mmCIF file of all heavy atoms, coordinates in Angstrom:
data_MODEL
# 
_entry.id   MODEL 
# 
loop_
_atom_site.group_PDB 
_atom_site.id 
_atom_site.type_symbol 
_atom_site.label_atom_id 
_atom_site.label_alt_id 
_atom_site.label_comp_id 
_atom_site.label_asym_id 
_atom_site.label_entity_id 
_atom_site.label_seq_id 
_atom_site.pdbx_PDB_ins_code 
_atom_site.Cartn_x 
_atom_site.Cartn_y 
_atom_site.Cartn_z 
_atom_site.occupancy 
_atom_site.B_iso_or_equiv 
_atom_site.pdbx_formal_charge 
_atom_site.auth_seq_id 
_atom_site.auth_comp_id 
_atom_site.auth_asym_id 
_atom_site.auth_atom_id 
_atom_site.pdbx_PDB_model_num 
ATOM 1   N N   . GLU A 1 1  ? 99.222  81.751  91.981  1.00 0.00 ? 1  GLU A N   1 
ATOM 2   C CA  . GLU A 1 1  ? 98.621  80.585  92.661  1.00 0.00 ? 1  GLU A CA  1 
ATOM 3   C C   . GLU A 1 1  ? 98.376  80.878  94.123  1.00 0.00 ? 1  GLU A C   1 
ATOM 4   O O   . GLU A 1 1  ? 97.325  80.583  94.676  1.00 0.00 ? 1  GLU A O   1 
ATOM 5   C CB  . GLU A 1 1  ? 99.531  79.390  92.507  1.00 0.00 ? 1  GLU A CB  1 
ATOM 6   C CG  . GLU A 1 1  ? 99.101  78.158  93.340  1.00 0.00 ? 1  GLU A CG  1 
ATOM 7   C CD  . GLU A 1 1  ? 100.291 77.238  93.612  1.00 0.00 ? 1  GLU A CD  1 
ATOM 8   O OE1 . GLU A 1 1  ? 101.252 77.187  92.823  1.00 0.00 ? 1  GLU A OE1 1 
ATOM 9   O OE2 . GLU A 1 1  ? 100.204 76.532  94.635  1.00 0.00 ? 1  GLU A OE2 1 
ATOM 10  N N   . LEU A 1 2  ? 99.389  81.516  94.796  1.00 0.00 ? 2  LEU A N   1 
ATOM 11  C CA  . LEU A 1 2  ? 99.253  81.791  96.267  1.00 0.00 ? 2  LEU A CA  1 
ATOM 12  C C   . LEU A 1 2  ? 98.138  82.860  96.503  1.00 0.00 ? 2  LEU A C   1 
ATOM 13  O O   . LEU A 1 2  ? 97.475  82.837  97.504  1.00 0.00 ? 2  LEU A O   1 
ATOM 14  C CB  . LEU A 1 2  ? 100.580 82.299  96.785  1.00 0.00 ? 2  LEU A CB  1 
ATOM 15  C CG  . LEU A 1 2  ? 101.738 81.276  96.849  1.00 0.00 ? 2  LEU A CG  1 
ATOM 16  C CD1 . LEU A 1 2  ? 103.039 81.914  97.158  1.00 0.00 ? 2  LEU A CD1 1 
ATOM 17  C CD2 . LEU A 1 2  ? 101.402 80.211  97.921  1.00 0.00 ? 2  LEU A CD2 1 
ATOM 18  N N   . ARG A 1 3  ? 98.000  83.828  95.566  1.00 0.00 ? 3  ARG A N   1 
ATOM 19  C CA  . ARG A 1 3  ? 96.935  84.815  95.689  1.00 0.00 ? 3  ARG A CA  1 
ATOM 20  C C   . ARG A 1 3  ? 95.573  84.116  95.648  1.00 0.00 ? 3  ARG A C   1 
ATOM 21  O O   . ARG A 1 3  ? 94.623  84.447  96.413  1.00 0.00 ? 3  ARG A O   1 
ATOM 22  C CB  . ARG A 1 3  ? 97.085  85.839  94.546  1.00 0.00 ? 3  ARG A CB  1 
ATOM 23  C CG  . ARG A 1 3  ? 98.190  86.852  94.795  1.00 0.00 ? 3  ARG A CG  1 
ATOM 24  C CD  . ARG A 1 3  ? 98.460  87.643  93.524  1.00 0.00 ? 3  ARG A CD  1 
ATOM 25  N NE  . ARG A 1 3  ? 97.342  88.484  93.082  1.00 0.00 ? 3  ARG A NE  1 
ATOM 26  C CZ  . ARG A 1 3  ? 97.271  89.774  93.352  1.00 0.00 ? 3  ARG A CZ  1 
ATOM 27  N NH1 . ARG A 1 3  ? 98.156  90.393  94.093  1.00 0.00 ? 3  ARG A NH1 1 
ATOM 28  N NH2 . ARG A 1 3  ? 96.209  90.437  92.906  1.00 0.00 ? 3  ARG A NH2 1 
ATOM 29  N N   . HIS A 1 4  ? 95.382  83.218  94.629  1.00 0.00 ? 4  HIS A N   1 
ATOM 30  C CA  . HIS A 1 4  ? 94.142  82.506  94.564  1.00 0.00 ? 4  HIS A CA  1 
ATOM 31  C C   . HIS A 1 4  ? 93.909  81.603  95.815  1.00 0.00 ? 4  HIS A C   1 
ATOM 32  O O   . HIS A 1 4  ? 92.749  81.450  96.251  1.00 0.00 ? 4  HIS A O   1 
ATOM 33  C CB  . HIS A 1 4  ? 94.122  81.633  93.299  1.00 0.00 ? 4  HIS A CB  1 
ATOM 34  C CG  . HIS A 1 4  ? 93.750  82.403  92.068  1.00 0.00 ? 4  HIS A CG  1 
ATOM 35  N ND1 . HIS A 1 4  ? 92.469  82.724  91.718  1.00 0.00 ? 4  HIS A ND1 1 
ATOM 36  C CD2 . HIS A 1 4  ? 94.536  82.939  91.103  1.00 0.00 ? 4  HIS A CD2 1 
ATOM 37  C CE1 . HIS A 1 4  ? 92.448  83.388  90.579  1.00 0.00 ? 4  HIS A CE1 1 
ATOM 38  N NE2 . HIS A 1 4  ? 93.697  83.543  90.169  1.00 0.00 ? 4  HIS A NE2 1 
ATOM 39  N N   . SER A 1 5  ? 94.978  81.028  96.312  1.00 0.00 ? 5  SER A N   1 
ATOM 40  C CA  . SER A 1 5  ? 94.882  80.200  97.503  1.00 0.00 ? 5  SER A CA  1 
ATOM 41  C C   . SER A 1 5  ? 94.399  81.046  98.665  1.00 0.00 ? 5  SER A C   1 
ATOM 42  O O   . SER A 1 5  ? 93.573  80.641  99.491  1.00 0.00 ? 5  SER A O   1 
ATOM 43  C CB  . SER A 1 5  ? 96.269  79.613  97.813  1.00 0.00 ? 5  SER A CB  1 
ATOM 44  O OG  . SER A 1 5  ? 96.189  78.827  98.974  1.00 0.00 ? 5  SER A OG  1 
ATOM 45  N N   . ALA A 1 6  ? 94.870  82.272  98.770  1.00 0.00 ? 6  ALA A N   1 
ATOM 46  C CA  . ALA A 1 6  ? 94.470  83.200  99.876  1.00 0.00 ? 6  ALA A CA  1 
ATOM 47  C C   . ALA A 1 6  ? 92.988  83.526  99.793  1.00 0.00 ? 6  ALA A C   1 
ATOM 48  O O   . ALA A 1 6  ? 92.269  83.419  100.795 1.00 0.00 ? 6  ALA A O   1 
ATOM 49  C CB  . ALA A 1 6  ? 95.301  84.457  99.867  1.00 0.00 ? 6  ALA A CB  1 
ATOM 50  N N   . THR A 1 7  ? 92.508  83.921  98.624  1.00 0.00 ? 7  THR A N   1 
ATOM 51  C CA  . THR A 1 7  ? 91.088  84.329  98.496  1.00 0.00 ? 7  THR A CA  1 
ATOM 52  C C   . THR A 1 7  ? 90.157  83.090  98.674  1.00 0.00 ? 7  THR A C   1 
ATOM 53  O O   . THR A 1 7  ? 89.093  83.205  99.292  1.00 0.00 ? 7  THR A O   1 
ATOM 54  C CB  . THR A 1 7  ? 90.836  84.992  97.143  1.00 0.00 ? 7  THR A CB  1 
ATOM 55  O OG1 . THR A 1 7  ? 91.328  84.171  96.102  1.00 0.00 ? 7  THR A OG1 1 
ATOM 56  C CG2 . THR A 1 7  ? 91.488  86.353  97.102  1.00 0.00 ? 7  THR A CG2 1 
ATOM 57  N N   . SER A 1 8  ? 90.553  81.967  98.118  1.00 0.00 ? 8  SER A N   1 
ATOM 58  C CA  . SER A 1 8  ? 89.675  80.782  98.282  1.00 0.00 ? 8  SER A CA  1 
ATOM 59  C C   . SER A 1 8  ? 89.607  80.350  99.765  1.00 0.00 ? 8  SER A C   1 
ATOM 60  O O   . SER A 1 8  ? 88.582  79.884  100.223 1.00 0.00 ? 8  SER A O   1 
ATOM 61  C CB  . SER A 1 8  ? 90.209  79.632  97.399  1.00 0.00 ? 8  SER A CB  1 
ATOM 62  O OG  . SER A 1 8  ? 91.524  79.239  97.788  1.00 0.00 ? 8  SER A OG  1 
ATOM 63  N N   . ALA A 1 9  ? 90.759  80.446  100.478 1.00 0.00 ? 9  ALA A N   1 
ATOM 64  C CA  . ALA A 1 9  ? 90.747  80.132  101.850 1.00 0.00 ? 9  ALA A CA  1 
ATOM 65  C C   . ALA A 1 9  ? 89.888  81.008  102.680 1.00 0.00 ? 9  ALA A C   1 
ATOM 66  O O   . ALA A 1 9  ? 89.159  80.578  103.586 1.00 0.00 ? 9  ALA A O   1 
ATOM 67  C CB  . ALA A 1 9  ? 92.213  80.167  102.422 1.00 0.00 ? 9  ALA A CB  1 
ATOM 68  N N   . LEU A 1 10 ? 89.897  82.343  102.379 1.00 0.00 ? 10 LEU A N   1 
ATOM 69  C CA  . LEU A 1 10 ? 89.061  83.303  103.141 1.00 0.00 ? 10 LEU A CA  1 
ATOM 70  C C   . LEU A 1 10 ? 87.533  82.993  102.903 1.00 0.00 ? 10 LEU A C   1 
ATOM 71  O O   . LEU A 1 10 ? 86.758  83.267  103.808 1.00 0.00 ? 10 LEU A O   1 
ATOM 72  C CB  . LEU A 1 10 ? 89.362  84.723  102.698 1.00 0.00 ? 10 LEU A CB  1 
ATOM 73  C CG  . LEU A 1 10 ? 90.673  85.270  103.201 1.00 0.00 ? 10 LEU A CG  1 
ATOM 74  C CD1 . LEU A 1 10 ? 91.049  86.590  102.473 1.00 0.00 ? 10 LEU A CD1 1 
ATOM 75  C CD2 . LEU A 1 10 ? 90.625  85.557  104.684 1.00 0.00 ? 10 LEU A CD2 1 
ATOM 76  N N   . ILE A 1 11 ? 87.204  82.492  101.785 1.00 0.00 ? 11 ILE A N   1 
ATOM 77  C CA  . ILE A 1 11 ? 85.808  82.208  101.503 1.00 0.00 ? 11 ILE A CA  1 
ATOM 78  C C   . ILE A 1 11 ? 85.335  80.911  102.146 1.00 0.00 ? 11 ILE A C   1 
ATOM 79  O O   . ILE A 1 11 ? 84.228  80.796  102.668 1.00 0.00 ? 11 ILE A O   1 
ATOM 80  C CB  . ILE A 1 11 ? 85.518  82.111  99.964  1.00 0.00 ? 11 ILE A CB  1 
ATOM 81  C CG1 . ILE A 1 11 ? 85.645  83.498  99.355  1.00 0.00 ? 11 ILE A CG1 1 
ATOM 82  C CG2 . ILE A 1 11 ? 84.174  81.538  99.664  1.00 0.00 ? 11 ILE A CG2 1 
ATOM 83  C CD1 . ILE A 1 11 ? 85.673  83.524  97.839  1.00 0.00 ? 11 ILE A CD1 1 
ATOM 84  N N   . SER A 1 12 ? 86.235  79.921  102.228 1.00 0.00 ? 12 SER A N   1 
ATOM 85  C CA  . SER A 1 12 ? 85.863  78.584  102.684 1.00 0.00 ? 12 SER A CA  1 
ATOM 86  C C   . SER A 1 12 ? 86.257  78.305  104.151 1.00 0.00 ? 12 SER A C   1 
ATOM 87  O O   . SER A 1 12 ? 85.721  77.317  104.694 1.00 0.00 ? 12 SER A O   1 
ATOM 88  C CB  . SER A 1 12 ? 86.490  77.528  101.777 1.00 0.00 ? 12 SER A CB  1 
ATOM 89  O OG  . SER A 1 12 ? 87.920  77.658  101.766 1.00 0.00 ? 12 SER A OG  1 
ATOM 90  N N   . ARG A 1 13 ? 87.079  79.094  104.785 1.00 0.00 ? 13 ARG A N   1 
ATOM 91  C CA  . ARG A 1 13 ? 87.523  78.803  106.153 1.00 0.00 ? 13 ARG A CA  1 
ATOM 92  C C   . ARG A 1 13 ? 87.553  80.071  107.022 1.00 0.00 ? 13 ARG A C   1 
ATOM 93  O O   . ARG A 1 13 ? 87.497  81.178  106.517 1.00 0.00 ? 13 ARG A O   1 
ATOM 94  C CB  . ARG A 1 13 ? 88.923  78.169  106.128 1.00 0.00 ? 13 ARG A CB  1 
ATOM 95  C CG  . ARG A 1 13 ? 89.000  76.876  105.452 1.00 0.00 ? 13 ARG A CG  1 
ATOM 96  C CD  . ARG A 1 13 ? 90.386  76.299  105.419 1.00 0.00 ? 13 ARG A CD  1 
ATOM 97  N NE  . ARG A 1 13 ? 90.928  76.021  106.725 1.00 0.00 ? 13 ARG A NE  1 
ATOM 98  C CZ  . ARG A 1 13 ? 91.820  75.104  107.008 1.00 0.00 ? 13 ARG A CZ  1 
ATOM 99  N NH1 . ARG A 1 13 ? 92.246  74.323  106.028 1.00 0.00 ? 13 ARG A NH1 1 
ATOM 100 N NH2 . ARG A 1 13 ? 92.266  74.899  108.218 1.00 0.00 ? 13 ARG A NH2 1 
ATOM 101 N N   . SER A 1 14 ? 87.606  79.878  108.328 1.00 0.00 ? 14 SER A N   1 
ATOM 102 C CA  . SER A 1 14 ? 87.690  81.023  109.242 1.00 0.00 ? 14 SER A CA  1 
ATOM 103 C C   . SER A 1 14 ? 89.065  81.144  109.945 1.00 0.00 ? 14 SER A C   1 
ATOM 104 O O   . SER A 1 14 ? 89.400  82.218  110.430 1.00 0.00 ? 14 SER A O   1 
ATOM 105 C CB  . SER A 1 14 ? 86.595  80.963  110.322 1.00 0.00 ? 14 SER A CB  1 
ATOM 106 O OG  . SER A 1 14 ? 86.686  79.757  111.056 1.00 0.00 ? 14 SER A OG  1 
ATOM 107 N N   . ASP A 1 15 ? 89.802  80.000  109.974 1.00 0.00 ? 15 ASP A N   1 
ATOM 108 C CA  . ASP A 1 15 ? 91.109  80.034  110.629 1.00 0.00 ? 15 ASP A CA  1 
ATOM 109 C C   . ASP A 1 15 ? 92.236  80.384  109.584 1.00 0.00 ? 15 ASP A C   1 
ATOM 110 O O   . ASP A 1 15 ? 93.051  79.584  109.255 1.00 0.00 ? 15 ASP A O   1 
ATOM 111 C CB  . ASP A 1 15 ? 91.414  78.679  111.282 1.00 0.00 ? 15 ASP A CB  1 
ATOM 112 C CG  . ASP A 1 15 ? 91.418  77.535  110.284 1.00 0.00 ? 15 ASP A CG  1 
ATOM 113 O OD1 . ASP A 1 15 ? 90.696  77.593  109.282 1.00 0.00 ? 15 ASP A OD1 1 
ATOM 114 O OD2 . ASP A 1 15 ? 92.076  76.554  110.552 1.00 0.00 ? 15 ASP A OD2 1 
ATOM 115 N N   . VAL A 1 16 ? 92.175  81.647  109.141 1.00 0.00 ? 16 VAL A N   1 
ATOM 116 C CA  . VAL A 1 16 ? 93.043  82.056  108.055 1.00 0.00 ? 16 VAL A CA  1 
ATOM 117 C C   . VAL A 1 16 ? 93.889  83.294  108.456 1.00 0.00 ? 16 VAL A C   1 
ATOM 118 O O   . VAL A 1 16 ? 93.340  84.244  109.023 1.00 0.00 ? 16 VAL A O   1 
ATOM 119 C CB  . VAL A 1 16 ? 92.270  82.392  106.761 1.00 0.00 ? 16 VAL A CB  1 
ATOM 120 C CG1 . VAL A 1 16 ? 93.211  82.777  105.630 1.00 0.00 ? 16 VAL A CG1 1 
ATOM 121 C CG2 . VAL A 1 16 ? 91.415  81.238  106.357 1.00 0.00 ? 16 VAL A CG2 1 
ATOM 122 N N   . ILE A 1 17 ? 95.180  83.235  108.206 1.00 0.00 ? 17 ILE A N   1 
ATOM 123 C CA  . ILE A 1 17 ? 96.064  84.417  108.353 1.00 0.00 ? 17 ILE A CA  1 
ATOM 124 C C   . ILE A 1 17 ? 96.604  84.696  106.964 1.00 0.00 ? 17 ILE A C   1 
ATOM 125 O O   . ILE A 1 17 ? 97.162  83.841  106.297 1.00 0.00 ? 17 ILE A O   1 
ATOM 126 C CB  . ILE A 1 17 ? 97.216  84.097  109.311 1.00 0.00 ? 17 ILE A CB  1 
ATOM 127 C CG1 . ILE A 1 17 ? 96.762  83.720  110.678 1.00 0.00 ? 17 ILE A CG1 1 
ATOM 128 C CG2 . ILE A 1 17 ? 98.204  85.308  109.395 1.00 0.00 ? 17 ILE A CG2 1 
ATOM 129 C CD1 . ILE A 1 17 ? 97.829  83.182  111.600 1.00 0.00 ? 17 ILE A CD1 1 
ATOM 130 N N   . VAL A 1 18 ? 96.436  85.952  106.514 1.00 0.00 ? 18 VAL A N   1 
ATOM 131 C CA  . VAL A 1 18 ? 96.978  86.339  105.190 1.00 0.00 ? 18 VAL A CA  1 
ATOM 132 C C   . VAL A 1 18 ? 98.051  87.392  105.419 1.00 0.00 ? 18 VAL A C   1 
ATOM 133 O O   . VAL A 1 18 ? 97.790  88.436  106.053 1.00 0.00 ? 18 VAL A O   1 
ATOM 134 C CB  . VAL A 1 18 ? 95.852  86.902  104.296 1.00 0.00 ? 18 VAL A CB  1 
ATOM 135 C CG1 . VAL A 1 18 ? 96.486  87.328  102.953 1.00 0.00 ? 18 VAL A CG1 1 
ATOM 136 C CG2 . VAL A 1 18 ? 94.718  85.887  104.053 1.00 0.00 ? 18 VAL A CG2 1 
ATOM 137 N N   . VAL A 1 19 ? 99.260  87.091  104.974 1.00 0.00 ? 19 VAL A N   1 
ATOM 138 C CA  . VAL A 1 19 ? 100.312 88.036  105.013 1.00 0.00 ? 19 VAL A CA  1 
ATOM 139 C C   . VAL A 1 19 ? 100.417 88.764  103.638 1.00 0.00 ? 19 VAL A C   1 
ATOM 140 O O   . VAL A 1 19 ? 100.545 88.059  102.628 1.00 0.00 ? 19 VAL A O   1 
ATOM 141 C CB  . VAL A 1 19 ? 101.658 87.376  105.369 1.00 0.00 ? 19 VAL A CB  1 
ATOM 142 C CG1 . VAL A 1 19 ? 102.776 88.393  105.419 1.00 0.00 ? 19 VAL A CG1 1 
ATOM 143 C CG2 . VAL A 1 19 ? 101.562 86.569  106.632 1.00 0.00 ? 19 VAL A CG2 1 
ATOM 144 N N   . ALA A 1 20 ? 100.252 90.072  103.624 1.00 0.00 ? 20 ALA A N   1 
ATOM 145 C CA  . ALA A 1 20 ? 100.131 90.783  102.389 1.00 0.00 ? 20 ALA A CA  1 
ATOM 146 C C   . ALA A 1 20 ? 101.039 91.996  102.354 1.00 0.00 ? 20 ALA A C   1 
ATOM 147 O O   . ALA A 1 20 ? 101.381 92.600  103.375 1.00 0.00 ? 20 ALA A O   1 
ATOM 148 C CB  . ALA A 1 20 ? 98.662  91.226  102.132 1.00 0.00 ? 20 ALA A CB  1 
ATOM 149 N N   . SER A 1 21 ? 101.438 92.397  101.136 1.00 0.00 ? 21 SER A N   1 
ATOM 150 C CA  . SER A 1 21 ? 102.122 93.664  100.926 1.00 0.00 ? 21 SER A CA  1 
ATOM 151 C C   . SER A 1 21 ? 101.043 94.746  100.698 1.00 0.00 ? 21 SER A C   1 
ATOM 152 O O   . SER A 1 21 ? 99.854  94.436  100.563 1.00 0.00 ? 21 SER A O   1 
ATOM 153 C CB  . SER A 1 21 ? 103.116 93.595  99.757  1.00 0.00 ? 21 SER A CB  1 
ATOM 154 O OG  . SER A 1 21 ? 102.379 93.483  98.569  1.00 0.00 ? 21 SER A OG  1 
ATOM 155 N N   . VAL A 1 22 ? 101.448 95.997  100.597 1.00 0.00 ? 22 VAL A N   1 
ATOM 156 C CA  . VAL A 1 22 ? 100.471 97.079  100.402 1.00 0.00 ? 22 VAL A CA  1 
ATOM 157 C C   . VAL A 1 22 ? 99.737  96.968  99.090  1.00 0.00 ? 22 VAL A C   1 
ATOM 158 O O   . VAL A 1 22 ? 98.725  97.672  98.829  1.00 0.00 ? 22 VAL A O   1 
ATOM 159 C CB  . VAL A 1 22 ? 101.179 98.475  100.541 1.00 0.00 ? 22 VAL A CB  1 
ATOM 160 C CG1 . VAL A 1 22 ? 101.571 98.754  101.931 1.00 0.00 ? 22 VAL A CG1 1 
ATOM 161 C CG2 . VAL A 1 22 ? 102.330 98.614  99.561  1.00 0.00 ? 22 VAL A CG2 1 
ATOM 162 N N   . SER A 1 23 ? 100.191 96.122  98.182  1.00 0.00 ? 23 SER A N   1 
ATOM 163 C CA  . SER A 1 23 ? 99.476  95.950  96.887  1.00 0.00 ? 23 SER A CA  1 
ATOM 164 C C   . SER A 1 23 ? 98.076  95.367  97.091  1.00 0.00 ? 23 SER A C   1 
ATOM 165 O O   . SER A 1 23 ? 97.282  95.350  96.165  1.00 0.00 ? 23 SER A O   1 
ATOM 166 C CB  . SER A 1 23 ? 100.293 95.043  95.944  1.00 0.00 ? 23 SER A CB  1 
ATOM 167 O OG  . SER A 1 23 ? 100.403 93.739  96.509  1.00 0.00 ? 23 SER A OG  1 
ATOM 168 N N   . CYS A 1 24 ? 97.784  94.882  98.286  1.00 0.00 ? 24 CYS A N   1 
ATOM 169 C CA  . CYS A 1 24 ? 96.496  94.276  98.565  1.00 0.00 ? 24 CYS A CA  1 
ATOM 170 C C   . CYS A 1 24 ? 95.394  95.378  98.570  1.00 0.00 ? 24 CYS A C   1 
ATOM 171 O O   . CYS A 1 24 ? 94.208  94.992  98.613  1.00 0.00 ? 24 CYS A O   1 
ATOM 172 C CB  . CYS A 1 24 ? 96.473  93.577  99.853  1.00 0.00 ? 24 CYS A CB  1 
ATOM 173 S SG  . CYS A 1 24 ? 96.499  94.580  101.353 1.00 0.00 ? 24 CYS A SG  1 
ATOM 174 N N   . ILE A 1 25 ? 95.719  96.665  98.527  1.00 0.00 ? 25 ILE A N   1 
ATOM 175 C CA  . ILE A 1 25 ? 94.697  97.689  98.488  1.00 0.00 ? 25 ILE A CA  1 
ATOM 176 C C   . ILE A 1 25 ? 94.291  98.040  97.054  1.00 0.00 ? 25 ILE A C   1 
ATOM 177 O O   . ILE A 1 25 ? 93.513  98.977  96.832  1.00 0.00 ? 25 ILE A O   1 
ATOM 178 C CB  . ILE A 1 25 ? 95.076  98.957  99.286  1.00 0.00 ? 25 ILE A CB  1 
ATOM 179 C CG1 . ILE A 1 25 ? 96.221  99.727  98.571  1.00 0.00 ? 25 ILE A CG1 1 
ATOM 180 C CG2 . ILE A 1 25 ? 95.422  98.660  100.710 1.00 0.00 ? 25 ILE A CG2 1 
ATOM 181 C CD1 . ILE A 1 25 ? 96.487  101.120 99.169  1.00 0.00 ? 25 ILE A CD1 1 
# 
């Protein structure tokens, strides 16, 4: 759910901070 929340926020907003582990590559 949090992963989907991160990607949807990046598409719909500009004031976004995403904290990620190296699995994001």
